[in-house]
Amino acid sequence: MESIQASKERQNQFMGIGAGIQAAGVALFLLSLLVGGNAPLFGFLIMIGMLIWGGVRSKVWLCGHCKNQLGSKEVRVCPSCHANLT
């Protein structure tokens, strides 16, 4: 029996945990504008951090053979189709 070879594919999700983190960052910044004082500065810095973090969390890895979502980039064998990933 031959082992299946497949590559890992990166996909960006539009809706998911990453978008939620980014939306929370923007909401926090808008809330800090209402507070006034130095709050908008800190709200802006936190928003930038959450936008970056949300962007990182929106990237997922898929098996090139069965398109199953992988746990991380370091996975070497697909848990669904058992393909060797490169």
Protein backbone atom coordinates (compact mmCIF):
# COMPACT_ATOMS: atom_id res chain seq x y z
CA MET A 1 0.00 0.00 0.00
CA GLU A 2 1.43 3.36 -1.03
CA SER A 3 1.45 6.27 1.35
CA ILE A 4 -0.29 9.40 0.12
CA GLN A 5 1.84 12.52 -0.23
CA ALA A 6 0.18 15.92 0.13
CA SER A 7 1.18 19.47 0.81
CA LYS A 8 -0.10 21.83 3.47
CA GLU A 9 -2.21 24.71 2.23
CA ARG A 10 -2.71 27.97 4.08
CA GLN A 11 -6.15 29.57 4.04
CA ASN A 12 -7.38 32.84 5.51
CA GLN A 13 -10.75 32.73 7.24
CA PHE A 14 -12.97 35.78 6.97
CA MET A 15 -15.28 34.81 9.82
CA GLY A 16 -13.93 33.12 12.90
CA ILE A 17 -11.96 33.75 16.06
CA GLY A 18 -9.55 36.11 14.28
CA ALA A 19 -12.35 38.39 13.11
CA GLY A 20 -13.83 38.37 16.61
CA ILE A 21 -10.52 39.47 18.15
CA GLN A 22 -10.19 42.25 15.58
CA ALA A 23 -13.76 43.44 16.15
CA ALA A 24 -13.18 43.49 19.91
CA GLY A 25 -10.07 45.63 19.39
CA VAL A 26 -11.97 48.17 17.30
CA ALA A 27 -14.85 48.24 19.82
CA LEU A 28 -12.38 48.81 22.66
CA PHE A 29 -10.84 51.72 20.76
CA LEU A 30 -14.24 53.29 20.08
CA LEU A 31 -15.13 52.90 23.75
CA SER A 32 -11.86 54.58 24.75
CA LEU A 33 -12.79 57.59 22.58
CA LEU A 34 -15.85 58.11 24.76
CA VAL A 35 -13.79 58.05 27.95
CA GLY A 36 -11.39 60.79 26.84
CA GLY A 37 -8.10 61.79 28.43
CA ASN A 38 -5.24 59.38 27.66
CA ALA A 39 -7.62 56.47 27.09
CA PRO A 40 -7.71 56.87 23.25
CA LEU A 41 -3.91 56.51 23.10
CA PHE A 42 -3.96 53.27 25.08
CA GLY A 43 -7.07 52.10 23.22
CA PHE A 44 -5.31 52.71 19.91
CA LEU A 45 -2.22 50.73 20.97
CA ILE A 46 -4.36 47.84 22.22
CA MET A 47 -6.41 47.95 19.02
CA ILE A 48 -3.28 47.68 16.85
CA GLY A 49 -2.10 44.69 18.90
CA MET A 50 -5.49 42.99 18.63
CA LEU A 51 -5.66 43.63 14.86
CA ILE A 52 -2.28 41.92 14.43
CA TRP A 53 -3.19 39.05 16.78
CA GLY A 54 -6.54 38.56 15.03
CA GLY A 55 -4.80 38.49 11.64
CA VAL A 56 -2.47 35.74 12.85
CA ARG A 57 -5.38 33.73 14.28
CA SER A 58 -7.35 33.98 11.01
CA LYS A 59 -4.81 31.82 9.13
CA VAL A 60 -5.51 28.08 9.17
CA TRP A 61 -3.67 25.14 7.60
CA LEU A 62 -5.44 22.54 5.44
CA CYS A 63 -4.43 19.12 4.14
CA GLY A 64 -3.80 19.35 0.39
CA HIS A 65 -5.42 15.96 -0.17
CA CYS A 66 -8.68 15.99 1.83
CA LYS A 67 -8.89 19.71 2.78
CA ASN A 68 -9.25 18.83 6.47
CA GLN A 69 -8.20 21.60 8.86
CA LEU A 70 -4.89 20.84 10.59
CA GLY A 71 -4.07 21.72 14.17
CA SER A 72 -0.92 23.67 13.31
CA LYS A 73 1.75 24.17 10.69
CA GLU A 74 3.96 21.55 12.36
CA VAL A 75 1.56 18.61 11.70
CA ARG A 76 3.31 15.97 9.56
CA VAL A 77 0.47 13.44 9.04
CA CYS A 78 -3.15 14.38 8.33
CA PRO A 79 -5.38 13.00 11.10
CA SER A 80 -8.23 12.42 8.62
CA CYS A 81 -6.73 10.81 5.49
CA HIS A 82 -3.30 9.88 6.97
CA ALA A 83 -1.43 11.59 4.11
CA ASN A 84 2.24 12.49 4.70
CA LEU A 85 2.37 16.29 4.62
CA THR A 86 5.29 18.25 3.23
